[in-house]
N, C-alpha and C. Protein backbone atom coordinates (compact mmCIF):
# COMPACT_ATOMS: atom_id res chain seq x y z
N UNK A 1 -11.85 -16.88 -2.61
CA UNK A 1 -11.46 -16.41 -3.94
C UNK A 1 -9.98 -16.55 -4.17
N UNK A 2 -9.42 -17.14 -4.99
CA UNK A 2 -7.88 -16.98 -5.22
C UNK A 2 -7.58 -16.30 -6.43
N UNK A 3 -6.79 -15.38 -6.46
CA UNK A 3 -6.37 -14.63 -7.57
C UNK A 3 -4.89 -14.29 -7.71
N UNK A 4 -4.43 -14.41 -8.67
CA UNK A 4 -3.04 -14.29 -8.94
C UNK A 4 -2.74 -13.68 -10.50
N UNK A 5 -2.27 -12.36 -10.41
CA UNK A 5 -2.15 -11.69 -11.77
C UNK A 5 -0.66 -11.84 -12.17
N UNK A 6 0.21 -12.13 -11.32
CA UNK A 6 1.72 -12.20 -11.53
C UNK A 6 1.86 -13.64 -12.06
N UNK A 7 2.67 -13.78 -13.02
CA UNK A 7 2.99 -14.94 -13.67
C UNK A 7 4.19 -15.63 -12.94
N UNK A 8 3.86 -16.70 -12.43
CA UNK A 8 5.09 -17.28 -11.49
C UNK A 8 6.42 -17.44 -12.36
N UNK A 9 7.55 -17.06 -11.64
CA UNK A 9 8.90 -17.10 -12.35
C UNK A 9 9.19 -15.75 -13.18
N UNK A 10 8.36 -14.97 -13.51
CA UNK A 10 8.64 -13.70 -14.14
C UNK A 10 9.02 -12.67 -13.22
N UNK A 11 9.96 -11.72 -13.75
CA UNK A 11 10.43 -10.73 -12.89
C UNK A 11 9.54 -9.33 -13.29
N UNK A 12 9.08 -8.80 -12.26
CA UNK A 12 8.21 -7.48 -12.26
C UNK A 12 8.83 -6.34 -11.81
N UNK A 13 8.63 -5.24 -12.30
CA UNK A 13 9.01 -3.93 -11.71
C UNK A 13 7.66 -3.42 -11.08
N UNK A 14 7.69 -3.32 -9.76
CA UNK A 14 6.43 -2.83 -9.01
C UNK A 14 6.22 -1.27 -9.42
N UNK A 15 7.14 -0.67 -9.64
CA UNK A 15 7.07 0.83 -9.97
C UNK A 15 6.41 1.07 -11.29
N UNK A 16 6.63 0.30 -12.40
CA UNK A 16 6.29 0.17 -13.76
C UNK A 16 4.91 -0.51 -13.71
N UNK A 17 4.66 -1.18 -12.75
CA UNK A 17 3.20 -1.79 -12.75
C UNK A 17 1.95 -1.00 -12.55
N UNK A 18 2.33 0.17 -11.92
CA UNK A 18 1.13 1.03 -11.70
C UNK A 18 1.51 2.49 -11.91
N UNK A 19 0.52 3.24 -12.28
CA UNK A 19 0.82 4.54 -12.46
C UNK A 19 -0.09 5.68 -11.87
N UNK A 20 0.37 6.71 -11.41
CA UNK A 20 -0.39 7.80 -10.58
C UNK A 20 -1.33 8.46 -11.43
N UNK A 21 -2.46 8.58 -11.06
CA UNK A 21 -3.74 9.12 -11.98
C UNK A 21 -3.99 10.58 -11.28
N UNK A 22 -3.84 11.63 -12.23
CA UNK A 22 -4.00 13.02 -11.84
C UNK A 22 -5.27 13.12 -10.91
N UNK A 23 -5.18 13.48 -9.67
CA UNK A 23 -6.27 13.85 -8.80
C UNK A 23 -6.74 12.55 -8.14
N UNK A 24 -6.23 11.40 -8.19
CA UNK A 24 -6.82 10.23 -7.84
C UNK A 24 -5.92 9.19 -7.20
N UNK A 25 -6.57 8.04 -6.90
CA UNK A 25 -5.89 6.83 -6.27
C UNK A 25 -6.08 5.78 -7.05
N UNK A 26 -5.21 4.90 -7.42
CA UNK A 26 -5.31 3.83 -8.27
C UNK A 26 -4.91 2.67 -7.45
N UNK A 27 -5.68 1.50 -7.54
CA UNK A 27 -5.16 0.25 -6.81
C UNK A 27 -5.26 -0.84 -7.85
N UNK A 28 -4.36 -1.74 -7.85
CA UNK A 28 -4.12 -3.13 -8.62
C UNK A 28 -3.89 -4.10 -7.75
N UNK A 29 -4.95 -5.08 -7.45
CA UNK A 29 -4.57 -6.30 -6.73
C UNK A 29 -3.92 -7.35 -7.39
N UNK A 30 -2.88 -7.79 -7.10
CA UNK A 30 -2.13 -9.03 -7.80
C UNK A 30 -2.47 -10.32 -7.37
N UNK A 31 -2.54 -10.46 -5.88
CA UNK A 31 -2.68 -11.69 -5.48
C UNK A 31 -3.50 -11.68 -4.39
N UNK A 32 -4.42 -12.56 -4.15
CA UNK A 32 -5.39 -12.85 -3.27
C UNK A 32 -5.67 -14.13 -2.92
N UNK A 33 -5.50 -14.72 -1.53
CA UNK A 33 -5.61 -16.04 -1.23
C UNK A 33 -6.04 -16.00 0.17
N UNK A 34 -6.26 -17.23 0.66
CA UNK A 34 -6.70 -17.40 2.18
C UNK A 34 -5.42 -16.95 3.11
N UNK A 35 -4.32 -16.72 2.64
CA UNK A 35 -3.10 -16.16 3.38
C UNK A 35 -2.94 -14.84 3.43
N UNK A 36 -3.71 -14.14 2.60
CA UNK A 36 -3.51 -12.52 2.55
C UNK A 36 -3.77 -12.12 1.03
N UNK A 37 -3.31 -10.80 0.84
CA UNK A 37 -3.20 -10.30 -0.48
C UNK A 37 -2.03 -9.27 -0.64
N UNK A 38 -1.87 -9.06 -1.93
CA UNK A 38 -0.92 -7.87 -2.30
C UNK A 38 -1.47 -7.00 -3.14
N UNK A 39 -1.54 -5.72 -2.97
CA UNK A 39 -2.16 -4.87 -3.85
C UNK A 39 -1.12 -3.51 -3.93
N UNK A 40 -0.93 -3.21 -5.15
CA UNK A 40 -0.40 -1.95 -5.55
C UNK A 40 -1.22 -0.87 -5.38
N UNK A 41 -0.77 0.44 -5.06
CA UNK A 41 -1.55 1.56 -5.05
C UNK A 41 -0.78 2.66 -5.48
N UNK A 42 -1.27 3.79 -6.16
CA UNK A 42 -0.63 4.98 -6.59
C UNK A 42 -1.65 6.21 -6.17
N UNK A 43 -0.97 7.08 -5.33
CA UNK A 43 -1.82 8.21 -4.81
C UNK A 43 -1.20 9.63 -5.41
N UNK A 44 -2.20 10.30 -6.06
CA UNK A 44 -1.69 11.52 -6.54
C UNK A 44 -1.53 12.57 -5.15
N UNK A 45 -0.80 13.54 -5.42
CA UNK A 45 -0.56 14.52 -4.37
C UNK A 45 -1.84 14.96 -3.77
N UNK A 46 -2.10 15.11 -2.45
CA UNK A 46 -3.22 15.52 -1.80
C UNK A 46 -4.18 14.32 -1.45
N UNK A 47 -3.97 13.21 -2.04
CA UNK A 47 -5.06 12.04 -1.98
C UNK A 47 -4.51 11.20 -0.62
N UNK A 48 -5.39 10.42 -0.02
CA UNK A 48 -5.04 9.61 1.05
C UNK A 48 -6.26 8.72 1.34
N UNK A 49 -6.04 7.88 2.41
CA UNK A 49 -6.99 6.90 2.88
C UNK A 49 -7.15 7.42 4.39
N UNK A 50 -8.43 7.61 4.69
CA UNK A 50 -8.75 8.17 6.00
C UNK A 50 -8.59 7.12 6.89
N UNK A 51 -8.52 7.65 8.32
CA UNK A 51 -8.23 6.67 9.48
C UNK A 51 -9.33 5.62 9.44
N UNK A 52 -8.83 4.40 9.58
CA UNK A 52 -9.69 3.22 9.56
C UNK A 52 -8.75 1.99 10.25
N UNK A 53 -9.27 1.00 10.59
CA UNK A 53 -8.62 -0.30 11.11
C UNK A 53 -8.94 -1.27 10.16
N UNK A 54 -8.08 -2.35 10.30
CA UNK A 54 -8.04 -3.58 9.74
C UNK A 54 -8.01 -4.81 10.71
N UNK A 55 -8.62 -5.87 10.27
CA UNK A 55 -8.48 -7.09 11.21
C UNK A 55 -7.06 -7.88 11.12
N UNK A 56 -6.11 -7.40 10.23
CA UNK A 56 -5.01 -8.10 9.97
C UNK A 56 -4.03 -7.03 9.89
N UNK A 57 -2.71 -7.59 10.20
CA UNK A 57 -1.36 -6.72 9.98
C UNK A 57 -1.11 -6.68 8.63
N UNK A 58 -0.61 -5.22 8.36
CA UNK A 58 -0.49 -4.91 6.98
C UNK A 58 0.98 -4.21 6.91
N UNK A 59 1.57 -4.57 5.75
CA UNK A 59 2.96 -4.11 5.41
C UNK A 59 2.87 -3.22 4.35
N UNK A 60 3.42 -2.02 4.53
CA UNK A 60 3.50 -1.06 3.44
C UNK A 60 4.80 -0.70 3.08
N UNK A 61 5.19 -1.05 1.76
CA UNK A 61 6.45 -0.84 1.32
C UNK A 61 6.40 0.39 0.10
N UNK A 62 7.09 1.29 0.47
CA UNK A 62 6.92 2.62 -0.55
C UNK A 62 7.86 2.30 -1.72
N UNK A 63 6.99 2.31 -2.91
CA UNK A 63 7.87 2.15 -4.19
C UNK A 63 8.63 3.41 -4.67
N UNK A 64 7.78 4.44 -4.68
CA UNK A 64 8.33 5.78 -5.23
C UNK A 64 7.81 7.01 -4.40
N UNK A 65 8.26 7.97 -4.24
CA UNK A 65 7.86 8.94 -3.39
C UNK A 65 7.97 8.82 -1.97
N UNK A 66 7.15 9.53 -1.23
CA UNK A 66 6.99 9.65 0.11
C UNK A 66 5.53 9.56 0.57
N UNK A 67 5.29 8.94 1.66
CA UNK A 67 3.74 8.84 2.30
C UNK A 67 3.90 9.27 3.79
N UNK A 68 2.85 9.96 4.21
CA UNK A 68 2.75 10.34 5.65
C UNK A 68 1.79 9.30 6.08
N UNK A 69 2.17 8.40 6.96
CA UNK A 69 1.50 7.35 7.51
C UNK A 69 1.33 7.48 9.01
N UNK A 70 0.10 7.56 9.35
CA UNK A 70 -0.26 7.77 10.76
C UNK A 70 -0.85 6.32 11.31
N UNK A 71 -0.05 5.88 12.65
CA UNK A 71 -0.49 4.79 13.29
C UNK A 71 -0.74 5.02 14.60
N UNK A 72 -2.09 4.93 15.12
CA UNK A 72 -2.35 5.28 16.36
C UNK A 72 -2.23 6.67 16.92
N UNK A 73 -2.33 7.63 15.86
CA UNK A 73 -2.28 8.89 16.03
C UNK A 73 -0.90 9.48 15.88
N UNK A 74 0.17 8.58 15.72
CA UNK A 74 1.57 9.18 15.39
C UNK A 74 1.78 9.04 14.06
N UNK A 75 2.21 10.17 13.52
CA UNK A 75 2.49 10.33 12.21
C UNK A 75 4.06 10.02 11.76
N UNK A 76 4.26 9.54 10.69
CA UNK A 76 5.66 9.23 10.35
C UNK A 76 5.78 9.54 8.81
N UNK A 77 6.80 9.91 8.25
CA UNK A 77 7.01 10.03 6.75
C UNK A 77 7.79 8.70 6.37
N UNK A 78 7.38 7.98 5.43
CA UNK A 78 7.91 6.79 4.93
C UNK A 78 8.35 7.03 3.46
N UNK A 79 9.52 6.72 3.20
CA UNK A 79 10.09 7.24 1.91
C UNK A 79 10.38 5.98 0.92
N UNK A 80 10.49 6.26 -0.33
CA UNK A 80 11.01 5.22 -1.30
C UNK A 80 11.88 4.31 -0.66
N UNK A 81 11.69 2.91 -0.83
CA UNK A 81 12.76 1.86 -0.35
C UNK A 81 12.34 1.63 1.16
N UNK A 82 11.62 2.24 1.87
CA UNK A 82 11.31 2.00 3.13
C UNK A 82 9.89 1.30 3.38
N UNK A 83 9.89 0.58 4.42
CA UNK A 83 8.49 0.02 4.89
C UNK A 83 8.17 0.14 6.21
N UNK A 84 6.96 -0.04 6.43
CA UNK A 84 6.20 -0.02 7.83
C UNK A 84 5.01 -1.03 8.00
N UNK A 85 5.04 -1.41 9.35
CA UNK A 85 4.04 -2.44 9.65
C UNK A 85 2.76 -1.64 10.22
N UNK A 86 1.68 -1.88 9.93
CA UNK A 86 0.50 -1.34 10.49
C UNK A 86 -0.09 -2.45 11.15
N UNK A 87 -0.07 -2.41 12.45
CA UNK A 87 -0.76 -3.59 13.20
C UNK A 87 -2.23 -3.73 13.16
N UNK A 88 -2.69 -4.93 13.30
CA UNK A 88 -4.19 -5.31 13.17
C UNK A 88 -4.80 -4.49 14.21
N UNK A 89 -6.18 -3.96 13.92
CA UNK A 89 -6.93 -3.53 14.89
C UNK A 89 -6.45 -2.23 15.49
N UNK A 90 -5.46 -1.52 14.92
CA UNK A 90 -4.92 -0.27 15.38
C UNK A 90 -5.27 0.83 14.35
N UNK A 91 -5.97 1.84 14.73
CA UNK A 91 -6.21 2.94 13.62
C UNK A 91 -5.06 3.48 12.88
N UNK A 92 -5.11 3.57 11.51
CA UNK A 92 -4.20 4.08 10.67
C UNK A 92 -4.69 4.94 9.48
N UNK A 93 -3.82 5.73 8.89
CA UNK A 93 -4.31 6.53 7.78
C UNK A 93 -3.13 6.69 7.00
N UNK A 94 -3.25 7.18 5.64
CA UNK A 94 -2.06 7.38 4.72
C UNK A 94 -2.68 8.76 4.18
N UNK A 95 -1.45 9.63 3.92
CA UNK A 95 -1.66 10.80 3.18
C UNK A 95 -0.53 11.03 2.26
N UNK A 96 -0.78 11.60 1.04
CA UNK A 96 0.26 11.98 -0.12
C UNK A 96 0.45 13.31 -0.01
N UNK A 97 1.69 13.82 0.61
CA UNK A 97 2.16 15.25 0.57
C UNK A 97 2.68 15.26 -0.71
N UNK A 98 3.05 14.39 -1.42
CA UNK A 98 3.50 14.27 -2.74
C UNK A 98 2.99 13.03 -3.42
N UNK A 99 3.03 12.80 -4.74
CA UNK A 99 2.55 11.69 -5.32
C UNK A 99 3.40 10.45 -4.81
N UNK A 100 2.83 9.41 -4.71
CA UNK A 100 3.69 8.16 -4.34
C UNK A 100 3.06 6.93 -4.54
N UNK A 101 3.90 5.74 -4.68
CA UNK A 101 3.21 4.58 -5.05
C UNK A 101 3.75 3.55 -3.82
N UNK A 102 2.87 2.57 -3.63
CA UNK A 102 3.12 1.71 -2.50
C UNK A 102 2.72 0.36 -2.83
N UNK A 103 3.18 -0.63 -2.05
CA UNK A 103 2.70 -2.03 -2.34
C UNK A 103 2.24 -2.45 -0.74
N UNK A 104 0.98 -2.79 -0.74
CA UNK A 104 0.38 -3.13 0.50
C UNK A 104 0.41 -4.77 0.58
N UNK A 105 0.87 -5.36 1.72
CA UNK A 105 0.69 -6.80 1.80
C UNK A 105 -0.14 -6.87 3.21
N UNK A 106 -1.19 -7.61 2.87
CA UNK A 106 -1.98 -7.92 4.01
C UNK A 106 -1.89 -9.27 4.44
N UNK A 107 -1.47 -9.69 5.87
CA UNK A 107 -1.36 -10.86 6.28
C UNK A 107 -2.24 -11.46 7.14
N UNK A 108 -3.02 -12.23 6.65
CA UNK A 108 -4.13 -12.90 7.45
C UNK A 108 -3.39 -13.91 8.39
N UNK A 109 -4.19 -14.14 9.54
CA UNK A 109 -3.84 -15.11 10.41
C UNK A 109 -4.33 -16.48 10.15
């Protein structure tokens, strides 16, 4: 299934494209095709994704705030403007010590 919510050639503000919901996690998938997908997420303080693995490499770009990202048991703080790569088949998790927004890019082989 191919999906594209971005209009080609138009400029977008990722920060303005998704909002934090009180006590929740919001996701908005913008592109999905055979090469991968791009999804925006907004996490309220205290929310997160429990440890899991994925069959593809994933890039997390923090748009606003800070996230605690754990990869293979090692925790890191990733801040606005920073990115981190979560390798395929390695356990990882995300936690919001404060509200944050991120862009997740999944890269299929």
